Every structure is written in C-alpha cells, then in structure tokens.
Amino acid sequence: MGGAIYPARGRANGWATQQNADQTRLTLSAQNATLASAQADVAVATANVEAQTATVQQLQELTSFEAITAPFDGIVTERNVDKGDLINGSASGGTAMFVLQRDDVLRVHIDVPQSASVGLEDGLAAQVTQPERPAEVFTGAVARHAGSLSVGSRTMPTEVDVANGDHRLQPCLFVHVSLSIPQGWPTVTVPAGAILLNGQGLRVATIDRDGSVRMHEVDIYRDFGTSVERRNSLHGGERVAVNPPANLQAGDKVRIAPVSAETAPAGASPDKPKVLTGSATDSKG
C-alpha cells in the first residue's frame, strides 16, 4: 500500500521561515542606524555652516571699522588716535577715537531759582548773550525742565535750546541767559536807598504832591543790590524818598532839593535840577 504525496504550499500562501524574518528585521535596524548617522552628519554640517557664517559676519563687521561714519552732522572737537596707533575694539577697555559735537542747535544748562520756577514752562522765550560779544543777542526757548527743585541748591535744572545755524556760538561756552517768566502776582521795585529800617520794621517813605510824607510798611521779596522788589503797600508810580533821614515821620513836610555835583548819582548832570527821590516801578511780569 503506497503513501500519498502532498506538494509544499508555504510560498504560495505568503509564509516565510523564521530565519528570513529575523534577517529582514536585522537589515531594517541597520538601515535605520545608517539613516540616523546620516541625519547626525547633516546636523553637524549645518552647525559648521552656521559657525562659519557667524565668523564671516564677524570679519565683515571688523572690516567695516575701517570706515568711521558719524552718527550725526557736527564737528570733531577731540582726536585721541593718530595714524599707526593700535585700536582696541573692546567696548569695555577701548578708548574713544574722536569726540563729535553737534553745534547747529546748542543746549544751554541753567538753574532757575525757586522764586522764578513757579511760572517756568517749556516754550518760554530766552535771550542768550556771550560776555565776549555783549552786543549780540541770541534767541532760544526753554526745551525742557526737571519739574522738581534740586535739594542742595533749591533751583530748577532747565535746558534752553538755542539755534546756532551760523555757528557763531561755540560749544562749552559760559553765557548769560535771560528768561521771560510771567509772575502770578504784581510786584513793585524801588531803589535800595529808599528802605528805612528802625524799631517799626522796614518802611518806605512816599511824598505826596503837597510834600507830605507817607510811611508804608513793606515786605522785601527779592534784593537786587541797588534795588529791591516788594509785594505789598506800593502799587507802582509813587514818588519815594531816597536816603531819607532816620527821624523822618509820617506827615512831615519835605522840600525837594536839586542834586549837586557832590551828591549826583553816577551819570547824572548837576546842571539840571534833580529831585532826591526815586520812582516805584510796577513789575507785574
């Protein structure tokens, strides 16, 4: 009795041996490792390109230092290097090569006293004079102020911008600045010699049309040396007695005397009759 013979069907049904499956997995793993190695090489190459690009940019930046470009129009006021000097490019230990100043608009720094700082504001007109050129007046305006008084000096730090298109003024000069600061209250200015000081305090003697003396108690606001500014009693336009005797009293009758050559103020002509009186000037602002 003979046995039956059956043909092999593994290949026809898509089956594979265990050995072939293991070989395929090992091949796939090797290919994945090769891909990862190639990707790592690409990353290294990209990093090298970026590093070389940064080096090129640094060299281009250093090369650009050969040409010095001014950040604004101005004048070179100081040069600290000469041809052949070694220039240190370090920002921390380097030395400034040049000092450049803009002089078409000059910024004047001033300190405004407390008494005048109340009416100070940006845009106020200013007049600037240079002692070496007393006949020339330069105009400007308040550009900015601190808004707070300095503790030590009780002054307001202020900056005045002055147009200097013709370059008549040089930077770092000492100049005189006059500001047109409005006052919030009227004041009266009288000669300093009109002040009487005795047991009754500070007073000023005014003379009426009939020669009668009136006494006014005053409060000095500012002292200018040859004149003083006050805020009460007087209204401006009064005739005040200059250097009156200490015993002058209210109601006394006085006679206006002409000024002689010995008593005439500087610049006065003794030939013309002058009165020994001054004028109270209204100075509202």
Protein backbone atom coordinates (compact mmCIF):
# COMPACT_ATOMS: atom_id res chain seq x y z
CA MET A 1 0.00 0.00 0.00
CA GLY A 2 1.69 3.13 -1.09
CA GLY A 3 1.67 6.52 0.79
CA ALA A 4 0.16 9.75 -0.66
CA ILE A 5 2.44 12.65 -1.71
CA TYR A 6 1.32 16.32 -0.98
CA PRO A 7 3.10 19.34 -2.54
CA ALA A 8 4.59 22.16 -0.30
CA ARG A 9 2.32 25.27 -0.14
CA GLY A 10 4.33 27.66 2.14
CA ARG A 11 5.48 30.01 -0.57
CA ALA A 12 2.20 30.02 -2.36
CA ASN A 13 0.37 31.17 0.79
CA GLY A 14 2.93 34.01 1.64
CA TRP A 15 4.60 32.25 4.52
CA ALA A 16 8.31 32.74 5.35
CA THR A 17 10.66 30.97 7.57
CA GLN A 18 11.66 32.37 10.96
CA GLN A 19 15.21 32.80 9.71
CA ASN A 20 14.12 35.05 6.85
CA ALA A 21 12.02 37.21 9.22
CA ASP A 22 14.93 37.68 11.60
CA GLN A 23 17.22 38.58 8.71
CA THR A 24 14.74 41.18 7.48
CA ARG A 25 14.44 42.79 10.93
CA LEU A 26 18.21 42.97 11.27
CA THR A 27 18.51 44.59 7.86
CA LEU A 28 15.84 47.20 8.76
CA SER A 29 17.60 48.03 12.03
CA ALA A 30 20.90 48.51 10.23
CA GLN A 31 19.28 50.79 7.67
CA ASN A 32 17.66 52.87 10.46
CA ALA A 33 21.02 53.23 12.16
CA THR A 34 22.57 54.36 8.89
CA LEU A 35 19.78 56.93 8.44
CA ALA A 36 20.27 58.29 11.98
CA SER A 37 24.01 58.56 11.38
CA ALA A 38 23.39 60.44 8.15
CA GLN A 39 20.97 62.81 9.87
CA ALA A 40 23.55 63.47 12.60
CA ASP A 41 26.14 64.23 9.92
CA VAL A 42 23.71 66.67 8.32
CA ALA A 43 23.14 68.40 11.67
CA VAL A 44 26.89 68.69 12.24
CA ALA A 45 27.37 70.09 8.77
CA THR A 46 24.56 72.62 9.31
CA ALA A 47 26.15 73.72 12.61
CA ASN A 48 29.50 74.11 10.88
CA VAL A 49 27.91 76.25 8.17
CA GLU A 50 26.25 78.46 10.76
CA ALA A 51 29.52 78.81 12.68
CA GLN A 52 31.40 79.73 9.52
CA THR A 53 28.65 82.21 8.60
CA ALA A 54 28.99 83.85 12.02
CA THR A 55 32.74 84.04 11.55
CA VAL A 56 32.28 85.68 8.15
CA GLN A 57 29.85 88.19 9.63
CA GLN A 58 32.28 88.99 12.45
CA LEU A 59 35.09 89.54 9.96
CA GLN A 60 32.83 91.74 7.84
CA GLU A 61 31.93 93.75 10.96
CA LEU A 62 35.59 94.17 11.87
CA THR A 63 36.37 95.18 8.31
CA SER A 64 33.62 97.81 8.42
CA PHE A 65 35.50 99.51 11.28
CA GLU A 66 37.99 100.74 8.69
CA ALA A 67 35.42 103.39 7.72
CA ILE A 68 34.17 105.62 10.56
CA THR A 69 30.68 107.01 9.99
CA ALA A 70 29.44 109.88 12.15
CA PRO A 71 26.02 109.29 13.73
CA PHE A 72 25.05 112.93 13.10
CA ASP A 73 26.34 116.11 11.48
CA GLY A 74 28.74 118.03 13.68
CA ILE A 75 32.34 118.98 14.30
CA VAL A 76 35.20 116.85 15.64
CA THR A 77 36.34 118.55 18.83
CA GLU A 78 38.78 115.90 20.08
CA ARG A 79 41.00 113.26 18.40
CA ASN A 80 42.62 110.61 20.57
CA VAL A 81 44.35 108.47 17.93
CA ASP A 82 46.96 109.01 15.25
CA LYS A 83 47.97 107.09 12.14
CA GLY A 84 49.57 103.79 13.09
CA ASP A 85 48.02 103.51 16.57
CA LEU A 86 46.64 100.14 17.62
CA ILE A 87 42.88 100.34 18.05
CA ASN A 88 41.27 98.11 20.65
CA GLY A 89 37.83 97.03 19.52
CA SER A 90 36.69 96.06 23.01
CA ALA A 91 33.73 98.04 24.26
CA SER A 92 34.90 97.73 27.88
CA GLY A 93 38.60 98.57 27.57
CA GLY A 94 38.66 100.68 24.41
CA THR A 95 39.45 104.39 24.15
CA ALA A 96 37.23 106.84 22.27
CA MET A 97 38.84 107.73 18.97
CA PHE A 98 37.00 111.01 18.42
CA VAL A 99 34.61 113.35 20.21
CA LEU A 100 31.92 114.74 17.93
CA GLN A 101 29.66 117.63 18.87
CA ARG A 102 26.56 118.91 17.13
CA ASP A 103 26.58 122.71 17.10
CA ASP A 104 23.69 123.74 14.86
CA VAL A 105 21.50 123.71 17.99
CA LEU A 106 23.18 124.36 21.33
CA ARG A 107 21.73 123.15 24.60
CA VAL A 108 22.31 125.58 27.47
CA HIS A 109 22.06 124.19 31.00
CA ILE A 110 20.85 126.66 33.63
CA ASP A 111 19.49 126.54 37.20
CA VAL A 112 16.38 128.65 37.70
CA PRO A 113 15.94 129.96 41.28
CA GLN A 114 12.97 128.86 43.33
CA SER A 115 11.48 132.37 43.23
CA ALA A 116 11.19 132.19 39.42
CA SER A 117 10.47 128.49 38.96
CA VAL A 118 6.73 128.83 39.66
CA GLY A 119 5.98 130.31 36.24
CA LEU A 120 8.60 128.26 34.36
CA GLU A 121 7.27 126.15 31.48
CA ASP A 122 8.53 124.68 28.22
CA GLY A 123 8.50 127.04 25.25
CA LEU A 124 9.28 130.24 27.18
CA ALA A 125 11.41 132.67 25.21
CA ALA A 126 15.04 133.08 26.27
CA GLN A 127 17.78 135.54 25.36
CA VAL A 128 21.39 134.39 25.44
CA THR A 129 24.39 136.72 25.47
CA GLN A 130 28.09 135.94 25.47
CA PRO A 131 30.37 138.12 27.62
CA GLU A 132 32.87 138.39 24.77
CA ARG A 133 30.11 139.64 22.43
CA PRO A 134 27.88 141.84 24.58
CA ALA A 135 26.23 143.50 21.57
CA GLU A 136 24.93 140.23 20.12
CA VAL A 137 21.75 138.62 21.45
CA PHE A 138 20.91 135.02 20.57
CA THR A 139 17.33 133.84 20.91
CA GLY A 140 16.20 130.46 22.18
CA ALA A 141 13.45 128.75 24.10
CA VAL A 142 13.08 126.52 27.13
CA ALA A 143 13.16 122.97 25.76
CA ARG A 144 12.71 121.03 28.99
CA HIS A 145 12.97 121.37 32.75
CA ALA A 146 13.29 118.89 35.60
CA GLY A 147 9.93 119.64 37.18
CA SER A 148 11.50 119.38 40.63
CA LEU A 149 13.90 121.54 42.60
CA SER A 150 17.39 120.31 43.44
CA VAL A 151 17.68 119.52 47.14
CA GLY A 152 21.06 121.18 47.62
CA SER A 153 20.57 124.43 45.68
CA ARG A 154 16.75 124.80 45.59
CA THR A 155 16.97 125.55 41.89
CA MET A 156 15.21 124.05 38.87
CA PRO A 157 17.55 122.37 36.35
CA THR A 158 16.49 123.70 32.95
CA GLU A 159 17.70 123.29 29.37
CA VAL A 160 17.41 126.04 26.76
CA ASP A 161 17.84 125.23 23.06
CA VAL A 162 19.49 127.98 21.01
CA ALA A 163 19.55 127.88 17.20
CA ASN A 164 23.16 128.20 16.01
CA GLY A 165 22.95 127.65 12.28
CA ASP A 166 25.63 130.26 11.57
CA HIS A 167 27.94 128.64 14.17
CA ARG A 168 28.54 131.93 15.96
CA LEU A 169 28.44 130.22 19.35
CA GLN A 170 30.89 127.51 20.27
CA PRO A 171 30.07 124.53 22.50
CA CYS A 172 31.09 124.63 26.19
CA LEU A 173 30.87 128.43 26.47
CA PHE A 174 29.74 130.30 29.57
CA VAL A 175 26.81 132.55 28.63
CA HIS A 176 24.16 134.71 30.29
CA VAL A 177 20.54 133.61 29.90
CA SER A 178 17.50 135.85 30.43
CA LEU A 179 14.08 134.22 30.67
CA SER A 180 10.71 135.93 30.28
CA ILE A 181 8.96 134.16 33.15
CA PRO A 182 5.49 135.54 33.94
CA GLN A 183 4.67 136.27 37.56
CA GLY A 184 1.42 135.29 39.16
CA TRP A 185 1.24 138.43 41.29
CA PRO A 186 2.26 142.10 40.83
CA THR A 187 5.48 143.35 42.41
CA VAL A 188 6.98 146.81 42.80
CA THR A 189 10.68 147.69 42.55
CA VAL A 190 12.16 150.66 44.43
CA PRO A 191 15.74 151.88 44.96
CA ALA A 192 17.55 150.16 47.80
CA GLY A 193 18.25 153.54 49.39
CA ALA A 194 14.52 154.08 49.94
CA ILE A 195 14.35 151.41 52.68
CA LEU A 196 14.02 152.71 56.24
CA LEU A 197 14.94 150.26 58.99
CA ASN A 198 14.12 151.16 62.58
CA GLY A 199 12.16 149.85 65.52
CA GLN A 200 8.99 149.89 63.46
CA GLY A 201 10.40 147.50 60.86
CA LEU A 202 11.01 148.01 57.16
CA ARG A 203 9.26 151.04 55.71
CA VAL A 204 9.30 153.20 52.61
CA ALA A 205 8.53 156.93 52.63
CA THR A 206 6.45 158.32 49.76
CA ILE A 207 5.95 162.00 49.07
CA ASP A 208 2.57 163.42 48.07
CA ARG A 209 2.08 166.31 45.68
CA ASP A 210 1.95 168.80 48.58
CA GLY A 211 5.24 167.50 50.02
CA SER A 212 3.66 165.42 52.80
CA VAL A 213 5.36 162.17 53.80
CA ARG A 214 3.54 158.86 53.97
CA MET A 215 5.05 155.76 55.53
CA HIS A 216 4.39 152.29 54.13
CA GLU A 217 5.34 149.00 55.72
CA VAL A 218 6.87 146.76 53.11
CA ASP A 219 7.88 143.14 52.70
CA ILE A 220 11.00 142.57 50.62
CA TYR A 221 10.55 139.84 48.04
CA ARG A 222 13.90 140.00 46.22
CA ASP A 223 17.04 142.09 46.72
CA PHE A 224 18.94 143.08 43.57
CA GLY A 225 21.59 145.13 45.38
CA THR A 226 20.82 148.59 44.01
CA SER A 227 17.07 147.95 44.08
CA VAL A 228 14.65 145.71 45.93
CA GLU A 229 11.38 144.10 44.92
CA ARG A 230 8.38 144.11 47.22
CA ARG A 231 4.89 142.66 47.13
CA ASN A 232 2.74 144.90 49.35
CA SER A 233 1.87 148.52 50.26
CA LEU A 234 3.00 150.13 46.99
CA HIS A 235 1.21 149.95 43.66
CA GLY A 236 3.78 151.45 41.29
CA GLY A 237 4.25 155.04 40.16
CA GLU A 238 4.66 156.52 43.66
CA ARG A 239 7.40 159.05 44.40
CA VAL A 240 9.64 157.62 47.13
CA ALA A 241 12.30 159.33 49.23
CA VAL A 242 15.84 158.07 48.63
CA ASN A 243 18.24 158.02 51.59
CA PRO A 244 15.82 159.83 53.93
CA PRO A 245 16.90 160.84 57.46
CA ALA A 246 16.24 158.30 60.20
CA ASN A 247 13.92 160.67 62.09
CA LEU A 248 11.57 161.19 59.15
CA GLN A 249 7.98 160.67 60.26
CA ALA A 250 4.65 160.34 58.53
CA GLY A 251 3.03 163.76 57.95
CA ASP A 252 6.31 165.67 57.81
CA LYS A 253 6.62 168.29 55.13
CA VAL A 254 9.68 167.98 52.92
CA ARG A 255 11.20 170.10 50.18
CA ILE A 256 12.58 168.54 47.04
CA ALA A 257 16.21 169.60 46.75
CA PRO A 258 18.20 169.73 43.48
CA VAL A 259 21.10 167.35 43.04
CA SER A 260 24.53 168.92 43.39
CA ALA A 261 27.75 167.76 41.77
CA GLU A 262 28.80 166.03 45.00
CA THR A 263 25.51 164.19 45.56
CA ALA A 264 24.57 163.50 41.96
CA PRO A 265 24.35 159.83 41.07
CA ALA A 266 26.77 158.42 38.54
CA GLY A 267 25.87 159.64 35.04
CA ALA A 268 23.57 162.47 36.25
CA SER A 269 24.13 166.04 35.12
CA PRO A 270 24.34 168.55 38.05
CA ASP A 271 23.29 171.39 35.76
CA LYS A 272 19.73 170.10 35.50
CA PRO A 273 17.57 170.20 38.64
CA LYS A 274 17.01 166.70 40.02
CA VAL A 275 14.94 165.56 42.97
CA LEU A 276 16.30 163.41 45.73
CA THR A 277 13.53 160.92 45.10
CA GLY A 278 13.10 157.68 43.26
CA SER A 279 10.20 156.05 41.49
CA ALA A 280 8.38 152.90 42.46
CA THR A 281 8.25 150.75 39.33
CA ASP A 282 5.48 148.31 38.68
CA SER A 283 6.86 144.93 37.53
CA LYS A 284 3.92 142.61 37.01
CA GLY A 285 5.77 140.14 34.82
